[in-house]
């Protein structure tokens, strides 16, 4: 799954770009650019991936 896809899933879960940016430690414009397919630094990509995985687990628990 790409960073762009992870961000879209987080947005679908109800997170705003600003909320994602705050959790990941970047600015909202960085998240906006990433949702449009722009490259991000490795560290940012890993932070997005970690946040996505955490929220995916939370969503799965809520569905049970």
PDB file of N, CA and C in Angstrom:
ATOM      1  N   UNK A   1       0.846  -1.173   0.000  1.00  0.00           N
ATOM      2  CA  UNK A   1       0.000   0.000   0.000  1.00  0.00           C
ATOM      3  C   UNK A   1       0.894   1.240   0.000  1.00  0.00           C
ATOM      4  N   UNK A   2       0.535   2.207  -0.804  1.00  0.00           N
ATOM      5  CA  UNK A   2       1.341   3.422  -0.904  1.00  0.00           C
ATOM      6  C   UNK A   2       0.987   4.405   0.213  1.00  0.00           C
ATOM      7  N   UNK A   3       1.848   5.371   0.411  1.00  0.00           N
ATOM      8  CA  UNK A   3       1.589   6.434   1.385  1.00  0.00           C
ATOM      9  C   UNK A   3       0.300   7.159   1.007  1.00  0.00           C
ATOM     10  N   UNK A   4       0.126   7.417  -0.270  1.00  0.00           N
ATOM     11  CA  UNK A   4      -1.076   8.094  -0.756  1.00  0.00           C
ATOM     12  C   UNK A   4      -2.332   7.296  -0.385  1.00  0.00           C
ATOM     13  N   UNK A   5      -2.290   5.990  -0.557  1.00  0.00           N
ATOM     14  CA  UNK A   5      -3.432   5.138  -0.216  1.00  0.00           C
ATOM     15  C   UNK A   5      -3.679   5.123   1.294  1.00  0.00           C
ATOM     16  N   UNK A   6      -2.600   5.060   2.079  1.00  0.00           N
ATOM     17  CA  UNK A   6      -2.752   5.079   3.538  1.00  0.00           C
ATOM     18  C   UNK A   6      -3.402   6.378   3.995  1.00  0.00           C
ATOM     19  N   UNK A   7      -2.960   7.480   3.428  1.00  0.00           N
ATOM     20  CA  UNK A   7      -3.541   8.767   3.802  1.00  0.00           C
ATOM     21  C   UNK A   7      -5.019   8.822   3.438  1.00  0.00           C
ATOM     22  N   UNK A   8      -5.380   8.299   2.276  1.00  0.00           N
ATOM     23  CA  UNK A   8      -6.785   8.312   1.878  1.00  0.00           C
ATOM     24  C   UNK A   8      -7.630   7.471   2.829  1.00  0.00           C
ATOM     25  N   UNK A   9      -7.100   6.334   3.255  1.00  0.00           N
ATOM     26  CA  UNK A   9      -7.832   5.487   4.213  1.00  0.00           C
ATOM     27  C   UNK A   9      -8.013   6.217   5.542  1.00  0.00           C
ATOM     28  N   UNK A  10      -6.975   6.927   5.997  1.00  0.00           N
ATOM     29  CA  UNK A  10      -7.086   7.695   7.241  1.00  0.00           C
ATOM     30  C   UNK A  10      -8.144   8.793   7.112  1.00  0.00           C
ATOM     31  N   UNK A  11      -8.166   9.448   5.972  1.00  0.00           N
ATOM     32  CA  UNK A  11      -9.176  10.480   5.723  1.00  0.00           C
ATOM     33  C   UNK A  11     -10.563   9.847   5.707  1.00  0.00           C
ATOM     34  N   UNK A  12     -10.673   8.674   5.088  1.00  0.00           N
ATOM     35  CA  UNK A  12     -11.953   7.953   5.064  1.00  0.00           C
ATOM     36  C   UNK A  12     -12.412   7.576   6.472  1.00  0.00           C
ATOM     37  N   UNK A  13     -11.455   7.358   7.379  1.00  0.00           N
ATOM     38  CA  UNK A  13     -11.786   7.041   8.772  1.00  0.00           C
ATOM     39  C   UNK A  13     -12.220   8.279   9.557  1.00  0.00           C
ATOM     40  N   UNK A  14     -12.100   9.453   8.944  1.00  0.00           N
ATOM     41  CA  UNK A  14     -12.564  10.675   9.589  1.00  0.00           C
ATOM     42  C   UNK A  14     -11.482  11.629  10.045  1.00  0.00           C
ATOM     43  N   UNK A  15     -10.228  11.311   9.774  1.00  0.00           N
ATOM     44  CA  UNK A  15      -9.141  12.207  10.160  1.00  0.00           C
ATOM     45  C   UNK A  15      -8.988  13.315   9.126  1.00  0.00           C
ATOM     46  N   UNK A  16      -8.808  14.537   9.600  1.00  0.00           N
ATOM     47  CA  UNK A  16      -8.522  15.646   8.693  1.00  0.00           C
ATOM     48  C   UNK A  16      -7.036  15.623   8.345  1.00  0.00           C
ATOM     49  N   UNK A  17      -6.686  16.326   7.289  1.00  0.00           N
ATOM     50  CA  UNK A  17      -5.268  16.432   6.937  1.00  0.00           C
ATOM     51  C   UNK A  17      -4.495  17.073   8.084  1.00  0.00           C
ATOM     52  N   UNK A  18      -5.090  18.050   8.738  1.00  0.00           N
ATOM     53  CA  UNK A  18      -4.436  18.726   9.866  1.00  0.00           C
ATOM     54  C   UNK A  18      -4.202  17.746  11.013  1.00  0.00           C
ATOM     55  N   UNK A  19      -5.201  16.916  11.323  1.00  0.00           N
ATOM     56  CA  UNK A  19      -5.058  15.948  12.419  1.00  0.00           C
ATOM     57  C   UNK A  19      -3.962  14.937  12.103  1.00  0.00           C
ATOM     58  N   UNK A  20      -3.920  14.483  10.865  1.00  0.00           N
ATOM     59  CA  UNK A  20      -2.869  13.542  10.458  1.00  0.00           C
ATOM     60  C   UNK A  20      -1.512  14.218  10.587  1.00  0.00           C
ATOM     61  N   UNK A  21      -1.413  15.441  10.095  1.00  0.00           N
ATOM     62  CA  UNK A  21      -0.149  16.183  10.153  1.00  0.00           C
ATOM     63  C   UNK A  21       0.326  16.344  11.590  1.00  0.00           C
ATOM     64  N   UNK A  22      -0.597  16.691  12.483  1.00  0.00           N
ATOM     65  CA  UNK A  22      -0.234  16.865  13.895  1.00  0.00           C
ATOM     66  C   UNK A  22       0.288  15.566  14.493  1.00  0.00           C
ATOM     67  N   UNK A  23      -0.355  14.449  14.178  1.00  0.00           N
ATOM     68  CA  UNK A  23       0.054  13.152  14.725  1.00  0.00           C
ATOM     69  C   UNK A  23       1.386  12.684  14.155  1.00  0.00           C
ATOM     70  N   UNK A  24       1.652  13.053  12.891  1.00  0.00           N
ATOM     71  CA  UNK A  24       2.862  12.592  12.208  1.00  0.00           C
ATOM     72  C   UNK A  24       4.032  13.547  12.442  1.00  0.00           C
ATOM     73  N   UNK A  25       3.728  14.798  12.795  1.00  0.00           N
ATOM     74  CA  UNK A  25       4.788  15.765  13.063  1.00  0.00           C
ATOM     75  C   UNK A  25       5.242  16.548  11.852  1.00  0.00           C
ATOM     76  N   UNK A  26       4.310  16.794  10.932  1.00  0.00           N
ATOM     77  CA  UNK A  26       4.607  17.600   9.748  1.00  0.00           C
ATOM     78  C   UNK A  26       3.514  18.649   9.599  1.00  0.00           C
ATOM     79  N   UNK A  27       3.611  19.459   8.557  1.00  0.00           N
ATOM     80  CA  UNK A  27       2.584  20.467   8.312  1.00  0.00           C
ATOM     81  C   UNK A  27       1.455  19.887   7.464  1.00  0.00           C
ATOM     82  N   UNK A  28       0.304  20.543   7.520  1.00  0.00           N
ATOM     83  CA  UNK A  28      -0.836  20.109   6.711  1.00  0.00           C
ATOM     84  C   UNK A  28      -0.517  20.165   5.220  1.00  0.00           C
ATOM     85  N   UNK A  29       0.190  21.197   4.723  1.00  0.00           N
ATOM     86  CA  UNK A  29       0.517  21.190   3.297  1.00  0.00           C
ATOM     87  C   UNK A  29       1.362  19.977   2.866  1.00  0.00           C
ATOM     88  N   UNK A  30       2.194  19.468   3.764  1.00  0.00           N
ATOM     89  CA  UNK A  30       2.971  18.262   3.449  1.00  0.00           C
ATOM     90  C   UNK A  30       2.035  17.081   3.245  1.00  0.00           C
ATOM     91  N   UNK A  31       1.034  16.960   4.109  1.00  0.00           N
ATOM     92  CA  UNK A  31       0.062  15.876   3.967  1.00  0.00           C
ATOM     93  C   UNK A  31      -0.736  16.061   2.683  1.00  0.00           C
ATOM     94  N   UNK A  32      -1.136  17.290   2.395  1.00  0.00           N
ATOM     95  CA  UNK A  32      -1.876  17.565   1.158  1.00  0.00           C
ATOM     96  C   UNK A  32      -1.073  17.110  -0.055  1.00  0.00           C
ATOM     97  N   UNK A  33       0.196  17.499  -0.096  1.00  0.00           N
ATOM     98  CA  UNK A  33       1.036  17.118  -1.243  1.00  0.00           C
ATOM     99  C   UNK A  33       1.179  15.605  -1.342  1.00  0.00           C
ATOM    100  N   UNK A  34       1.310  14.947  -0.207  1.00  0.00           N
ATOM    101  CA  UNK A  34       1.439  13.487  -0.207  1.00  0.00           C
ATOM    102  C   UNK A  34       0.163  12.823  -0.715  1.00  0.00           C
ATOM    103  N   UNK A  35      -1.004  13.403  -0.396  1.00  0.00           N
ATOM    104  CA  UNK A  35      -2.258  12.825  -0.895  1.00  0.00           C
ATOM    105  C   UNK A  35      -2.365  12.962  -2.407  1.00  0.00           C
ATOM    106  N   UNK A  36      -1.636  13.901  -2.958  1.00  0.00           N
ATOM    107  CA  UNK A  36      -1.633  14.104  -4.409  1.00  0.00           C
ATOM    108  C   UNK A  36      -0.513  13.322  -5.093  1.00  0.00           C
ATOM    109  N   UNK A  37       0.232  12.543  -4.305  1.00  0.00           N
ATOM    110  CA  UNK A  37       1.252  11.677  -4.881  1.00  0.00           C
ATOM    111  C   UNK A  37       2.678  12.176  -4.794  1.00  0.00           C
ATOM    112  N   UNK A  38       2.891  13.307  -4.131  1.00  0.00           N
ATOM    113  CA  UNK A  38       4.253  13.828  -3.994  1.00  0.00           C
ATOM    114  C   UNK A  38       5.072  12.920  -3.074  1.00  0.00           C
ATOM    115  N   UNK A  39       6.352  12.872  -3.331  1.00  0.00           N
ATOM    116  CA  UNK A  39       7.254  12.074  -2.497  1.00  0.00           C
ATOM    117  C   UNK A  39       7.402  12.733  -1.127  1.00  0.00           C
ATOM    118  N   UNK A  40       7.587  11.899  -0.116  1.00  0.00           N
ATOM    119  CA  UNK A  40       7.844  12.394   1.241  1.00  0.00           C
ATOM    120  C   UNK A  40       9.147  11.789   1.743  1.00  0.00           C
ATOM    121  N   UNK A  41       9.747  12.441   2.730  1.00  0.00           N
ATOM    122  CA  UNK A  41      10.964  11.896   3.334  1.00  0.00           C
ATOM    123  C   UNK A  41      10.669  10.530   3.940  1.00  0.00           C
ATOM    124  N   UNK A  42      11.696   9.707   4.016  1.00  0.00           N
ATOM    125  CA  UNK A  42      11.554   8.354   4.559  1.00  0.00           C
ATOM    126  C   UNK A  42      10.928   8.385   5.946  1.00  0.00           C
ATOM    127  N   UNK A  43      11.419   9.282   6.799  1.00  0.00           N
ATOM    128  CA  UNK A  43      10.933   9.356   8.177  1.00  0.00           C
ATOM    129  C   UNK A  43       9.448   9.706   8.229  1.00  0.00           C
ATOM    130  N   UNK A  44       9.025  10.583   7.338  1.00  0.00           N
ATOM    131  CA  UNK A  44       7.614  10.970   7.283  1.00  0.00           C
ATOM    132  C   UNK A  44       6.777   9.790   6.813  1.00  0.00           C
ATOM    133  N   UNK A  45       7.255   9.102   5.804  1.00  0.00           N
ATOM    134  CA  UNK A  45       6.547   7.925   5.307  1.00  0.00           C
ATOM    135  C   UNK A  45       6.387   6.865   6.382  1.00  0.00           C
ATOM    136  N   UNK A  46       7.438   6.629   7.155  1.00  0.00           N
ATOM    137  CA  UNK A  46       7.360   5.640   8.236  1.00  0.00           C
ATOM    138  C   UNK A  46       6.390   6.098   9.322  1.00  0.00           C
ATOM    139  N   UNK A  47       6.377   7.385   9.634  1.00  0.00           N
ATOM    140  CA  UNK A  47       5.453   7.904  10.645  1.00  0.00           C
ATOM    141  C   UNK A  47       4.005   7.762  10.179  1.00  0.00           C
ATOM    142  N   UNK A  48       3.756   8.030   8.904  1.00  0.00           N
ATOM    143  CA  UNK A  48       2.409   7.857   8.347  1.00  0.00           C
ATOM    144  C   UNK A  48       2.022   6.387   8.402  1.00  0.00           C
ATOM    145  N   UNK A  49       2.947   5.522   8.029  1.00  0.00           N
ATOM    146  CA  UNK A  49       2.674   4.083   8.051  1.00  0.00           C
ATOM    147  C   UNK A  49       2.345   3.607   9.469  1.00  0.00           C
ATOM    148  N   UNK A  50       3.104   4.057  10.453  1.00  0.00           N
ATOM    149  CA  UNK A  50       2.864   3.670  11.841  1.00  0.00           C
ATOM    150  C   UNK A  50       1.499   4.162  12.315  1.00  0.00           C
ATOM    151  N   UNK A  51       1.174   5.412  12.025  1.00  0.00           N
ATOM    152  CA  UNK A  51      -0.126   5.964  12.410  1.00  0.00           C
ATOM    153  C   UNK A  51      -1.258   5.202  11.721  1.00  0.00           C
ATOM    154  N   UNK A  52      -1.082   4.896  10.447  1.00  0.00           N
ATOM    155  CA  UNK A  52      -2.093   4.133   9.706  1.00  0.00           C
ATOM    156  C   UNK A  52      -2.311   2.762  10.342  1.00  0.00           C
ATOM    157  N   UNK A  53      -1.231   2.060  10.648  1.00  0.00           N
ATOM    158  CA  UNK A  53      -1.349   0.718  11.240  1.00  0.00           C
ATOM    159  C   UNK A  53      -2.047   0.774  12.598  1.00  0.00           C
ATOM    160  N   UNK A  54      -1.730   1.793  13.410  1.00  0.00           N
ATOM    161  CA  UNK A  54      -2.389   1.956  14.708  1.00  0.00           C
ATOM    162  C   UNK A  54      -3.893   2.159  14.529  1.00  0.00           C
ATOM    163  N   UNK A  55      -4.257   3.030  13.614  1.00  0.00           N
ATOM    164  CA  UNK A  55      -5.668   3.342  13.411  1.00  0.00           C
ATOM    165  C   UNK A  55      -6.420   2.185  12.758  1.00  0.00           C
ATOM    166  N   UNK A  56      -5.731   1.429  11.942  1.00  0.00           N
ATOM    167  CA  UNK A  56      -6.336   0.244  11.329  1.00  0.00           C
ATOM    168  C   UNK A  56      -6.716  -0.762  12.417  1.00  0.00           C
ATOM    169  N   UNK A  57      -5.825  -0.954  13.385  1.00  0.00           N
ATOM    170  CA  UNK A  57      -6.104  -1.872  14.496  1.00  0.00           C
ATOM    171  C   UNK A  57      -7.277  -1.376  15.328  1.00  0.00           C
ATOM    172  N   UNK A  58      -7.325  -0.082  15.588  1.00  0.00           N
ATOM    173  CA  UNK A  58      -8.430   0.497  16.356  1.00  0.00           C
ATOM    174  C   UNK A  58      -9.747   0.273  15.618  1.00  0.00           C
ATOM    175  N   UNK A  59      -9.755   0.517  14.320  1.00  0.00           N
ATOM    176  CA  UNK A  59     -10.974   0.348  13.525  1.00  0.00           C
ATOM    177  C   UNK A  59     -11.422  -1.110  13.512  1.00  0.00           C
ATOM    178  N   UNK A  60     -10.467  -2.030  13.427  1.00  0.00           N
ATOM    179  CA  UNK A  60     -10.805  -3.455  13.429  1.00  0.00           C
ATOM    180  C   UNK A  60     -11.415  -3.868  14.763  1.00  0.00           C
ATOM    181  N   UNK A  61     -10.881  -3.345  15.868  1.00  0.00           N
ATOM    182  CA  UNK A  61     -11.420  -3.668  17.193  1.00  0.00           C
ATOM    183  C   UNK A  61     -12.837  -3.128  17.350  1.00  0.00           C
ATOM    184  N   UNK A  62     -13.096  -1.961  16.787  1.00  0.00           N
ATOM    185  CA  UNK A  62     -14.419  -1.357  16.903  1.00  0.00           C
ATOM    186  C   UNK A  62     -15.463  -2.124  16.096  1.00  0.00           C
ATOM    187  N   UNK A  63     -15.032  -2.809  15.048  1.00  0.00           N
ATOM    188  CA  UNK A  63     -15.962  -3.571  14.216  1.00  0.00           C
ATOM    189  C   UNK A  63     -16.370  -4.878  14.869  1.00  0.00           C
ATOM    190  N   UNK A  64     -15.587  -5.358  15.826  1.00  0.00           N
ATOM    191  CA  UNK A  64     -15.876  -6.653  16.469  1.00  0.00           C
ATOM    192  C   UNK A  64     -16.979  -6.547  17.475  1.00  0.00           C
TER     193      UNK A  64
END
